[in-house]
């Protein structure tokens, strides 16, 4: 049974400007070390950063709480499996809350925009 759906779109240029202005502090506030390492290893790193941010926003919308309560940026970690497919790994109270759920995500990006979609399904 689907209990939540969320979508988000982000301008890639926004992440470039924020990173240029705030540097590592900005990245470390929003992303885990594994996310940062992955994104910065890519040729178009800002597209990947924007995509991961969009996933975090889409999941916050799908759980219907947004960024209130115990939900924090790094509670959602977007990783890739061996085939490159993205998946969400959860930390802290969000991990407990979504323990009995399947969370499906999809990310797409162009030069200017990144979009992500999340579906939360209760087993």
N, C-alpha and C. Protein backbone atom coordinates (compact mmCIF):
# COMPACT_ATOMS: atom_id res chain seq x y z
N UNK A 1 0.84 -1.17 0.00
CA UNK A 1 0.00 0.00 0.00
C UNK A 1 0.89 1.25 0.00
N UNK A 2 0.64 2.16 -0.90
CA UNK A 2 1.40 3.41 -0.98
C UNK A 2 0.90 4.36 0.11
N UNK A 3 1.84 4.85 0.93
CA UNK A 3 1.46 5.77 1.99
C UNK A 3 1.95 7.20 1.74
N UNK A 4 2.79 7.38 0.72
CA UNK A 4 3.25 8.72 0.43
C UNK A 4 3.96 8.82 -0.90
N UNK A 5 3.80 9.98 -1.54
CA UNK A 5 4.46 10.28 -2.80
C UNK A 5 5.01 11.70 -2.71
N UNK A 6 6.22 11.91 -3.20
CA UNK A 6 6.81 13.24 -3.20
C UNK A 6 7.64 13.47 -4.45
N UNK A 7 7.72 14.72 -4.87
CA UNK A 7 8.52 15.09 -6.03
C UNK A 7 9.17 16.45 -5.74
N UNK A 8 10.34 16.68 -6.31
CA UNK A 8 11.00 17.97 -6.16
C UNK A 8 11.86 18.24 -7.39
N UNK A 9 11.97 19.51 -7.73
CA UNK A 9 12.83 19.94 -8.83
C UNK A 9 13.74 21.05 -8.31
N UNK A 10 15.00 21.02 -8.74
CA UNK A 10 16.01 21.94 -8.22
C UNK A 10 16.81 22.51 -9.39
N UNK A 11 17.16 23.77 -9.29
CA UNK A 11 18.04 24.39 -10.28
C UNK A 11 19.49 24.05 -9.95
N UNK A 12 20.21 23.49 -10.89
CA UNK A 12 21.60 23.07 -10.69
C UNK A 12 22.48 24.28 -10.36
N UNK A 13 22.27 25.39 -11.03
CA UNK A 13 23.08 26.59 -10.82
C UNK A 13 23.03 27.07 -9.37
N UNK A 14 21.89 26.85 -8.73
CA UNK A 14 21.74 27.24 -7.31
C UNK A 14 22.80 26.55 -6.44
N UNK A 15 23.04 25.26 -6.70
CA UNK A 15 24.01 24.53 -5.91
C UNK A 15 25.44 24.98 -6.20
N UNK A 16 25.69 25.32 -7.42
CA UNK A 16 27.01 25.83 -7.76
C UNK A 16 27.29 27.13 -7.02
N UNK A 17 26.32 28.05 -7.03
CA UNK A 17 26.50 29.34 -6.37
C UNK A 17 26.63 29.18 -4.85
N UNK A 18 25.81 28.31 -4.25
CA UNK A 18 25.90 28.10 -2.80
C UNK A 18 27.24 27.48 -2.40
N UNK A 19 27.72 26.55 -3.21
CA UNK A 19 29.01 25.92 -2.92
C UNK A 19 30.15 26.93 -3.07
N UNK A 20 30.08 27.75 -4.10
CA UNK A 20 31.11 28.77 -4.29
C UNK A 20 31.11 29.78 -3.15
N UNK A 21 29.94 30.11 -2.64
CA UNK A 21 29.83 31.09 -1.56
C UNK A 21 30.23 30.51 -0.20
N UNK A 22 29.75 29.31 0.13
CA UNK A 22 29.92 28.75 1.47
C UNK A 22 30.91 27.59 1.55
N UNK A 23 31.35 27.05 0.42
CA UNK A 23 32.34 25.99 0.40
C UNK A 23 31.90 24.71 1.08
N UNK A 24 32.86 24.04 1.72
CA UNK A 24 32.62 22.75 2.37
C UNK A 24 31.54 22.83 3.44
N UNK A 25 31.46 23.95 4.12
CA UNK A 25 30.45 24.11 5.19
C UNK A 25 29.05 23.84 4.65
N UNK A 26 28.75 24.37 3.49
CA UNK A 26 27.45 24.16 2.86
C UNK A 26 27.22 22.68 2.57
N UNK A 27 28.20 22.04 1.94
CA UNK A 27 28.05 20.63 1.58
C UNK A 27 27.88 19.76 2.81
N UNK A 28 28.68 19.98 3.84
CA UNK A 28 28.64 19.14 5.04
C UNK A 28 27.38 19.33 5.87
N UNK A 29 26.70 20.44 5.68
CA UNK A 29 25.44 20.68 6.39
C UNK A 29 24.31 19.82 5.81
N UNK A 30 24.36 19.58 4.51
CA UNK A 30 23.26 18.90 3.82
C UNK A 30 23.56 17.44 3.46
N UNK A 31 24.81 17.16 3.11
CA UNK A 31 25.15 15.84 2.57
C UNK A 31 26.09 15.08 3.49
N UNK A 32 26.01 13.75 3.42
CA UNK A 32 26.94 12.90 4.15
C UNK A 32 28.28 12.87 3.41
N UNK A 33 29.30 12.38 4.06
CA UNK A 33 30.62 12.29 3.42
C UNK A 33 30.57 11.40 2.19
N UNK A 34 29.81 10.31 2.25
CA UNK A 34 29.71 9.41 1.09
C UNK A 34 29.03 10.11 -0.08
N UNK A 35 27.99 10.90 0.20
CA UNK A 35 27.31 11.63 -0.87
C UNK A 35 28.25 12.67 -1.49
N UNK A 36 28.97 13.39 -0.65
CA UNK A 36 29.90 14.41 -1.15
C UNK A 36 30.98 13.77 -2.00
N UNK A 37 31.59 12.69 -1.52
CA UNK A 37 32.65 12.00 -2.27
C UNK A 37 32.14 11.55 -3.64
N UNK A 38 30.95 10.95 -3.65
CA UNK A 38 30.39 10.47 -4.91
C UNK A 38 30.16 11.62 -5.88
N UNK A 39 29.48 12.66 -5.42
CA UNK A 39 29.12 13.78 -6.31
C UNK A 39 30.34 14.51 -6.83
N UNK A 40 31.31 14.77 -5.97
CA UNK A 40 32.49 15.51 -6.39
C UNK A 40 33.40 14.69 -7.30
N UNK A 41 33.19 13.38 -7.34
CA UNK A 41 33.98 12.54 -8.25
C UNK A 41 33.44 12.57 -9.68
N UNK A 42 32.27 13.14 -9.85
CA UNK A 42 31.62 13.19 -11.16
C UNK A 42 31.98 14.47 -11.91
N UNK A 43 31.99 14.38 -13.23
CA UNK A 43 32.31 15.53 -14.07
C UNK A 43 31.32 16.67 -13.82
N UNK A 44 30.05 16.36 -13.76
CA UNK A 44 29.01 17.35 -13.51
C UNK A 44 28.51 17.23 -12.08
N UNK A 45 29.38 17.52 -11.14
CA UNK A 45 29.08 17.28 -9.72
C UNK A 45 27.86 18.05 -9.23
N UNK A 46 27.62 19.24 -9.73
CA UNK A 46 26.47 20.01 -9.24
C UNK A 46 25.14 19.39 -9.64
N UNK A 47 25.10 18.71 -10.77
CA UNK A 47 23.88 18.00 -11.16
C UNK A 47 23.59 16.88 -10.15
N UNK A 48 24.64 16.20 -9.73
CA UNK A 48 24.48 15.10 -8.78
C UNK A 48 24.12 15.61 -7.39
N UNK A 49 24.72 16.71 -6.98
CA UNK A 49 24.36 17.31 -5.69
C UNK A 49 22.90 17.76 -5.70
N UNK A 50 22.49 18.43 -6.76
CA UNK A 50 21.11 18.90 -6.87
C UNK A 50 20.14 17.73 -6.88
N UNK A 51 20.50 16.64 -7.55
CA UNK A 51 19.64 15.46 -7.59
C UNK A 51 19.45 14.83 -6.22
N UNK A 52 20.53 14.76 -5.47
CA UNK A 52 20.43 14.20 -4.12
C UNK A 52 19.62 15.10 -3.20
N UNK A 53 19.80 16.39 -3.35
CA UNK A 53 18.99 17.32 -2.56
C UNK A 53 17.51 17.13 -2.91
N UNK A 54 17.20 17.01 -4.20
CA UNK A 54 15.82 16.82 -4.62
C UNK A 54 15.22 15.54 -4.03
N UNK A 55 16.02 14.48 -3.92
CA UNK A 55 15.54 13.25 -3.30
C UNK A 55 15.16 13.51 -1.85
N UNK A 56 16.03 14.19 -1.13
CA UNK A 56 15.76 14.49 0.28
C UNK A 56 14.45 15.27 0.43
N UNK A 57 14.25 16.25 -0.44
CA UNK A 57 13.01 17.03 -0.42
C UNK A 57 11.80 16.17 -0.79
N UNK A 58 11.93 15.33 -1.81
CA UNK A 58 10.83 14.47 -2.24
C UNK A 58 10.43 13.51 -1.12
N UNK A 59 11.39 12.95 -0.42
CA UNK A 59 11.08 12.04 0.68
C UNK A 59 10.41 12.80 1.82
N UNK A 60 10.88 14.01 2.10
CA UNK A 60 10.24 14.79 3.17
C UNK A 60 8.77 15.06 2.83
N UNK A 61 8.48 15.27 1.56
CA UNK A 61 7.10 15.48 1.13
C UNK A 61 6.30 14.18 1.20
N UNK A 62 6.93 13.07 0.86
CA UNK A 62 6.24 11.78 0.87
C UNK A 62 5.86 11.33 2.28
N UNK A 63 6.64 11.70 3.27
CA UNK A 63 6.29 11.31 4.64
C UNK A 63 5.37 12.34 5.30
N UNK A 64 5.06 13.39 4.56
CA UNK A 64 4.08 14.40 4.97
C UNK A 64 4.46 15.21 6.20
N UNK A 65 5.74 15.26 6.51
CA UNK A 65 6.16 16.09 7.65
C UNK A 65 7.03 17.24 7.20
N UNK A 66 7.57 17.15 6.00
CA UNK A 66 8.52 18.17 5.57
C UNK A 66 9.73 18.15 6.49
N UNK A 67 10.35 19.29 6.66
CA UNK A 67 11.57 19.38 7.47
C UNK A 67 11.25 19.80 8.90
N UNK A 68 10.20 19.23 9.46
CA UNK A 68 9.85 19.53 10.84
C UNK A 68 10.18 18.35 11.73
N UNK A 69 10.12 18.57 13.01
CA UNK A 69 10.33 17.48 13.95
C UNK A 69 11.73 16.94 13.91
N UNK A 70 11.85 15.63 13.77
CA UNK A 70 13.14 14.95 13.84
C UNK A 70 13.79 14.73 12.49
N UNK A 71 13.21 15.25 11.44
CA UNK A 71 13.73 15.05 10.09
C UNK A 71 14.86 16.03 9.81
N UNK A 72 16.04 15.51 9.49
CA UNK A 72 17.21 16.34 9.23
C UNK A 72 17.80 15.98 7.87
N UNK A 73 18.53 16.93 7.29
CA UNK A 73 19.13 16.73 5.95
C UNK A 73 19.86 15.40 5.83
N UNK A 74 20.72 15.11 6.78
CA UNK A 74 21.57 13.92 6.66
C UNK A 74 20.88 12.63 7.13
N UNK A 75 19.61 12.73 7.55
CA UNK A 75 18.86 11.52 7.89
C UNK A 75 18.53 10.71 6.65
N UNK A 76 18.56 11.36 5.49
CA UNK A 76 18.38 10.69 4.20
C UNK A 76 19.72 10.73 3.49
N UNK A 77 20.25 9.56 3.18
CA UNK A 77 21.52 9.46 2.45
C UNK A 77 21.23 8.75 1.13
N UNK A 78 21.57 9.39 0.04
CA UNK A 78 21.31 8.82 -1.28
C UNK A 78 22.60 8.18 -1.79
N UNK A 79 22.53 6.86 -1.98
CA UNK A 79 23.68 6.08 -2.44
C UNK A 79 23.30 5.40 -3.75
N UNK A 80 24.24 4.70 -4.35
CA UNK A 80 23.99 3.97 -5.58
C UNK A 80 24.38 2.51 -5.39
N UNK A 81 23.59 1.60 -5.95
CA UNK A 81 23.96 0.20 -5.90
C UNK A 81 25.04 -0.08 -6.96
N UNK A 82 25.43 -1.32 -7.10
CA UNK A 82 26.52 -1.68 -8.01
C UNK A 82 26.20 -1.37 -9.47
N UNK A 83 24.93 -1.32 -9.81
CA UNK A 83 24.52 -1.01 -11.17
C UNK A 83 24.34 0.48 -11.41
N UNK A 84 24.46 1.28 -10.33
CA UNK A 84 24.30 2.72 -10.45
C UNK A 84 22.93 3.22 -10.06
N UNK A 85 22.01 2.32 -9.72
CA UNK A 85 20.66 2.71 -9.35
C UNK A 85 20.69 3.39 -7.97
N UNK A 86 20.08 4.57 -7.86
CA UNK A 86 20.08 5.25 -6.56
C UNK A 86 19.10 4.60 -5.58
N UNK A 87 19.47 4.64 -4.32
CA UNK A 87 18.57 4.19 -3.25
C UNK A 87 18.79 5.08 -2.04
N UNK A 88 17.78 5.14 -1.20
CA UNK A 88 17.84 5.98 0.00
C UNK A 88 18.18 5.11 1.21
N UNK A 89 19.14 5.56 1.98
CA UNK A 89 19.54 4.91 3.23
C UNK A 89 19.20 5.89 4.34
N UNK A 90 18.56 5.41 5.41
CA UNK A 90 18.06 6.30 6.44
C UNK A 90 18.83 6.17 7.74
N UNK A 91 18.87 7.27 8.48
CA UNK A 91 19.57 7.35 9.75
C UNK A 91 18.63 7.89 10.84
N UNK A 92 19.01 7.64 12.08
CA UNK A 92 18.34 8.19 13.25
C UNK A 92 16.87 7.80 13.32
N UNK A 93 16.01 8.70 13.76
CA UNK A 93 14.59 8.38 13.96
C UNK A 93 13.87 8.08 12.65
N UNK A 94 14.35 8.65 11.57
CA UNK A 94 13.74 8.37 10.28
C UNK A 94 13.93 6.90 9.89
N UNK A 95 15.06 6.34 10.26
CA UNK A 95 15.32 4.91 10.00
C UNK A 95 14.28 4.06 10.72
N UNK A 96 14.00 4.40 11.97
CA UNK A 96 12.99 3.67 12.74
C UNK A 96 11.60 3.85 12.13
N UNK A 97 11.27 5.07 11.74
CA UNK A 97 9.95 5.38 11.19
C UNK A 97 9.69 4.63 9.89
N UNK A 98 10.72 4.48 9.06
CA UNK A 98 10.54 3.85 7.75
C UNK A 98 11.01 2.40 7.71
N UNK A 99 11.28 1.83 8.87
CA UNK A 99 11.81 0.47 8.96
C UNK A 99 10.94 -0.56 8.26
N UNK A 100 9.63 -0.43 8.35
CA UNK A 100 8.73 -1.42 7.75
C UNK A 100 8.23 -0.98 6.37
N UNK A 101 8.90 -0.01 5.76
CA UNK A 101 8.48 0.51 4.47
C UNK A 101 9.54 0.28 3.39
N UNK A 102 9.09 0.27 2.17
CA UNK A 102 9.98 0.31 1.02
C UNK A 102 9.91 1.72 0.46
N UNK A 103 11.07 2.30 0.18
CA UNK A 103 11.11 3.65 -0.38
C UNK A 103 11.75 3.55 -1.75
N UNK A 104 10.99 3.95 -2.75
CA UNK A 104 11.45 3.90 -4.14
C UNK A 104 11.77 5.32 -4.57
N UNK A 105 12.94 5.52 -5.17
CA UNK A 105 13.31 6.85 -5.63
C UNK A 105 13.77 6.80 -7.08
N UNK A 106 13.66 7.93 -7.74
CA UNK A 106 14.17 8.09 -9.09
C UNK A 106 14.70 9.52 -9.21
N UNK A 107 15.85 9.65 -9.87
CA UNK A 107 16.49 10.95 -10.06
C UNK A 107 16.74 11.13 -11.56
N UNK A 108 16.54 12.34 -12.03
CA UNK A 108 16.89 12.68 -13.40
C UNK A 108 17.43 14.11 -13.40
N UNK A 109 18.37 14.37 -14.30
CA UNK A 109 18.88 15.73 -14.37
C UNK A 109 19.29 16.09 -15.79
N UNK A 110 19.23 17.38 -16.03
CA UNK A 110 19.72 17.95 -17.28
C UNK A 110 20.82 18.93 -16.88
N UNK A 111 21.27 19.71 -17.79
CA UNK A 111 22.31 20.68 -17.48
C UNK A 111 21.82 21.70 -16.44
N UNK A 112 20.54 22.05 -16.49
CA UNK A 112 20.02 23.13 -15.65
C UNK A 112 19.16 22.69 -14.47
N UNK A 113 18.57 21.50 -14.54
CA UNK A 113 17.64 21.08 -13.50
C UNK A 113 17.88 19.64 -13.08
N UNK A 114 17.53 19.37 -11.82
CA UNK A 114 17.50 17.99 -11.32
C UNK A 114 16.12 17.77 -10.71
N UNK A 115 15.56 16.60 -10.94
CA UNK A 115 14.25 16.26 -10.41
C UNK A 115 14.33 14.89 -9.74
N UNK A 116 13.56 14.73 -8.66
CA UNK A 116 13.54 13.45 -7.98
C UNK A 116 12.10 13.12 -7.58
N UNK A 117 11.84 11.84 -7.53
CA UNK A 117 10.52 11.33 -7.20
C UNK A 117 10.70 10.27 -6.12
N UNK A 118 9.81 10.25 -5.13
CA UNK A 118 9.88 9.24 -4.07
C UNK A 118 8.51 8.67 -3.80
N UNK A 119 8.47 7.35 -3.64
CA UNK A 119 7.24 6.66 -3.26
C UNK A 119 7.55 5.84 -2.01
N UNK A 120 6.71 5.99 -1.00
CA UNK A 120 6.87 5.21 0.23
C UNK A 120 5.75 4.20 0.27
N UNK A 121 6.15 2.93 0.41
CA UNK A 121 5.19 1.84 0.37
C UNK A 121 5.29 1.05 1.67
N UNK A 122 4.17 0.82 2.31
CA UNK A 122 4.12 0.03 3.53
C UNK A 122 3.98 -1.43 3.17
N UNK A 123 4.81 -2.26 3.78
CA UNK A 123 4.80 -3.70 3.49
C UNK A 123 3.58 -4.39 4.05
